[in-house]
Amino acid sequence: MTSSFSRIIAATLSSIGTLVASFLLWQAYAISSSGVFDPPSGSQRTLSSVTAVSAKNANSGFPALVSLDDILTDVRSSDESRIHSLNLKLELELFEEDGRSNIERTEAGLKDVIIDTIRGQSLDTLNTLSGKLYFKETLISRMNAFLHQPVIRDLHFASFFLQ
């Protein structure tokens, strides 16, 4: 009886996780297909070229991107037997170019918010796609709350090394 009950619970939790991941991917697709950033077809862009273009053409429809330096912090594991670390580099996509000065002025506080958010996650969570998507949305929400206004539209993981 307990075996079948645990299987039902596991299947239910798996289904809920799949639904949450699908919803987040659907939202990301809806945002990306809204025309906010629509490069010409056939163009090949790297992150550095997008950053250079966005700095040069801030008012031409390209997103304003701000790079944060590498962040290295510990991540808790479920068994606590090993110490794991996360090396992270973020590119912040802003709603407006005017938010760049606000980000640069409060960069140290934003890094503290990022580190606190990482330490609130588990290794098992960050190892899954749905966990990374949840982590990303949590970061955006907490950083905008720290800034007291919606400045960050999206964030991109330039690097994400979990050891």
Protein backbone atom coordinates (compact mmCIF):
# COMPACT_ATOMS: atom_id res chain seq x y z
CA MET A 1 0.00 0.00 0.00
CA THR A 2 2.75 2.49 0.90
CA SER A 3 4.68 1.55 -2.23
CA SER A 4 1.76 2.44 -4.51
CA PHE A 5 1.09 5.61 -2.51
CA SER A 6 4.70 6.75 -2.88
CA ARG A 7 4.54 6.02 -6.62
CA ILE A 8 1.40 8.13 -6.94
CA ILE A 9 3.06 10.99 -5.04
CA ALA A 10 6.21 10.72 -7.18
CA ALA A 11 4.18 10.73 -10.41
CA THR A 12 2.15 13.71 -9.22
CA LEU A 13 5.24 15.71 -8.28
CA SER A 14 6.88 14.82 -11.58
CA SER A 15 3.82 16.01 -13.48
CA ILE A 16 3.71 19.27 -11.54
CA GLY A 17 7.41 19.87 -12.26
CA THR A 18 6.85 19.22 -15.95
CA LEU A 19 3.92 21.64 -16.00
CA VAL A 20 5.91 24.37 -14.25
CA ALA A 21 8.86 23.94 -16.64
CA SER A 22 6.53 23.99 -19.65
CA PHE A 23 4.85 27.14 -18.40
CA LEU A 24 8.18 28.91 -17.88
CA LEU A 25 9.40 27.86 -21.32
CA TRP A 26 6.11 29.05 -22.84
CA GLN A 27 6.56 32.43 -21.12
CA ALA A 28 10.14 32.70 -22.37
CA TYR A 29 8.97 31.87 -25.90
CA ALA A 30 6.15 34.43 -25.69
CA ILE A 31 8.58 37.13 -24.58
CA SER A 32 11.16 36.27 -27.23
CA SER A 33 8.57 36.14 -30.03
CA SER A 34 7.04 39.49 -29.06
CA GLY A 35 9.53 41.34 -31.22
CA VAL A 36 11.53 42.83 -28.34
CA PHE A 37 14.75 41.47 -29.80
CA ASP A 38 14.35 40.20 -33.31
CA PRO A 39 17.69 40.00 -35.16
CA PRO A 40 17.60 39.75 -38.94
CA SER A 41 17.26 36.19 -40.20
CA GLY A 42 20.50 34.50 -41.08
CA SER A 43 22.56 36.76 -38.84
CA GLN A 44 25.07 35.21 -36.50
CA ARG A 45 25.47 37.11 -33.24
CA THR A 46 27.70 36.36 -30.31
CA LEU A 47 27.13 37.76 -26.85
CA SER A 48 29.97 40.24 -27.21
CA SER A 49 28.64 41.52 -30.53
CA VAL A 50 25.16 41.95 -29.07
CA THR A 51 26.60 43.86 -26.12
CA ALA A 52 28.63 46.10 -28.42
CA VAL A 53 25.67 46.73 -30.70
CA SER A 54 23.32 47.46 -27.79
CA ALA A 55 25.72 49.99 -26.31
CA LYS A 56 26.08 51.69 -29.69
CA ASN A 57 22.41 51.56 -30.70
CA ALA A 58 20.58 51.98 -27.40
CA ASN A 59 17.52 53.58 -28.99
CA SER A 60 17.31 51.39 -32.09
CA GLY A 61 15.31 48.49 -30.62
CA PHE A 62 18.22 46.40 -29.36
CA PRO A 63 18.17 45.51 -25.66
CA ALA A 64 20.45 47.25 -23.21
CA LEU A 65 22.74 44.64 -21.63
CA VAL A 66 24.89 45.01 -18.53
CA SER A 67 27.55 42.42 -17.67
CA LEU A 68 28.25 41.52 -14.07
CA ASP A 69 31.61 40.13 -13.00
CA ASP A 70 32.00 36.46 -12.11
CA ILE A 71 30.38 35.38 -8.87
CA LEU A 72 31.71 32.34 -7.00
CA THR A 73 29.83 30.98 -4.01
CA ASP A 74 29.01 27.76 -2.17
CA VAL A 75 25.86 25.74 -2.86
CA ARG A 76 24.33 23.42 -0.30
CA SER A 77 23.80 19.78 -1.14
CA SER A 78 21.08 17.53 0.22
CA ASP A 79 23.49 15.24 2.07
CA GLU A 80 25.85 18.02 3.27
CA SER A 81 28.82 15.64 2.83
CA ARG A 82 30.51 17.64 0.07
CA ILE A 83 30.99 21.32 -0.56
CA HIS A 84 29.83 22.39 -3.99
CA SER A 85 30.41 25.71 -5.69
CA LEU A 86 28.74 27.73 -8.40
CA ASN A 87 30.69 30.04 -10.68
CA LEU A 88 28.26 32.35 -12.41
CA LYS A 89 28.49 35.22 -14.90
CA LEU A 90 25.32 37.14 -15.70
CA GLU A 91 24.22 39.45 -18.49
CA LEU A 92 21.31 41.64 -17.38
CA GLU A 93 18.84 42.78 -20.04
CA LEU A 94 17.30 46.11 -19.04
CA PHE A 95 13.94 47.60 -19.91
CA GLU A 96 15.60 50.93 -20.77
CA GLU A 97 19.14 52.20 -21.23
CA ASP A 98 18.49 54.64 -18.36
CA GLY A 99 18.61 51.72 -15.91
CA ARG A 100 22.32 51.16 -16.62
CA SER A 101 23.42 53.86 -14.17
CA ASN A 102 21.13 52.42 -11.48
CA ILE A 103 22.67 48.96 -11.98
CA GLU A 104 26.24 50.29 -11.91
CA ARG A 105 25.55 52.35 -8.77
CA THR A 106 24.09 49.39 -6.85
CA GLU A 107 26.23 46.56 -8.29
CA ALA A 108 27.63 45.49 -4.90
CA GLY A 109 24.14 45.21 -3.40
CA LEU A 110 22.91 43.28 -6.44
CA LYS A 111 25.77 40.80 -6.04
CA ASP A 112 24.73 40.28 -2.40
CA VAL A 113 21.16 39.58 -3.55
CA ILE A 114 22.50 37.08 -6.12
CA ILE A 115 24.69 35.31 -3.54
CA ASP A 116 21.82 35.13 -1.02
CA THR A 117 19.55 33.69 -3.71
CA ILE A 118 22.15 31.09 -4.69
CA ARG A 119 22.62 30.03 -1.08
CA GLY A 120 18.86 29.55 -0.81
CA GLN A 121 18.95 26.98 -3.63
CA SER A 122 20.00 23.37 -3.36
CA LEU A 123 22.40 21.49 -5.62
CA ASP A 124 19.60 19.16 -6.70
CA THR A 125 17.44 22.11 -7.77
CA LEU A 126 20.19 23.84 -9.75
CA ASN A 127 21.01 20.61 -11.60
CA THR A 128 17.61 20.55 -13.36
CA LEU A 129 16.28 22.71 -16.18
CA SER A 130 13.15 23.64 -14.28
CA GLY A 131 15.29 24.51 -11.25
CA LYS A 132 17.49 26.81 -13.33
CA LEU A 133 14.43 28.50 -14.83
CA TYR A 134 12.95 28.99 -11.36
CA PHE A 135 16.32 30.30 -10.13
CA LYS A 136 16.44 32.77 -13.05
CA GLU A 137 12.92 34.10 -12.37
CA THR A 138 13.68 34.37 -8.65
CA LEU A 139 16.85 36.35 -9.39
CA ILE A 140 15.01 38.80 -11.65
CA SER A 141 12.26 39.29 -9.08
CA ARG A 142 14.63 39.80 -6.12
CA MET A 143 16.97 42.14 -8.01
CA ASN A 144 14.06 44.31 -9.18
CA ALA A 145 12.73 44.35 -5.60
CA PHE A 146 16.18 45.46 -4.40
CA LEU A 147 16.17 48.26 -7.00
CA HIS A 148 12.62 49.29 -5.92
CA GLN A 149 11.51 49.41 -9.56
CA PRO A 150 11.39 47.09 -12.58
CA VAL A 151 14.76 47.73 -14.24
CA ILE A 152 15.78 44.20 -15.27
CA ARG A 153 13.70 42.61 -18.03
CA ASP A 154 15.61 39.36 -18.34
CA LEU A 155 18.92 37.82 -17.46
CA HIS A 156 21.17 35.52 -19.40
CA PHE A 157 23.68 33.06 -17.98
CA ALA A 158 26.95 33.84 -19.77
CA SER A 159 28.51 31.06 -17.70
CA PHE A 160 27.05 28.60 -15.20
CA PHE A 161 29.58 26.16 -13.72
CA LEU A 162 28.30 23.96 -10.92
CA GLN A 163 30.90 21.74 -9.23
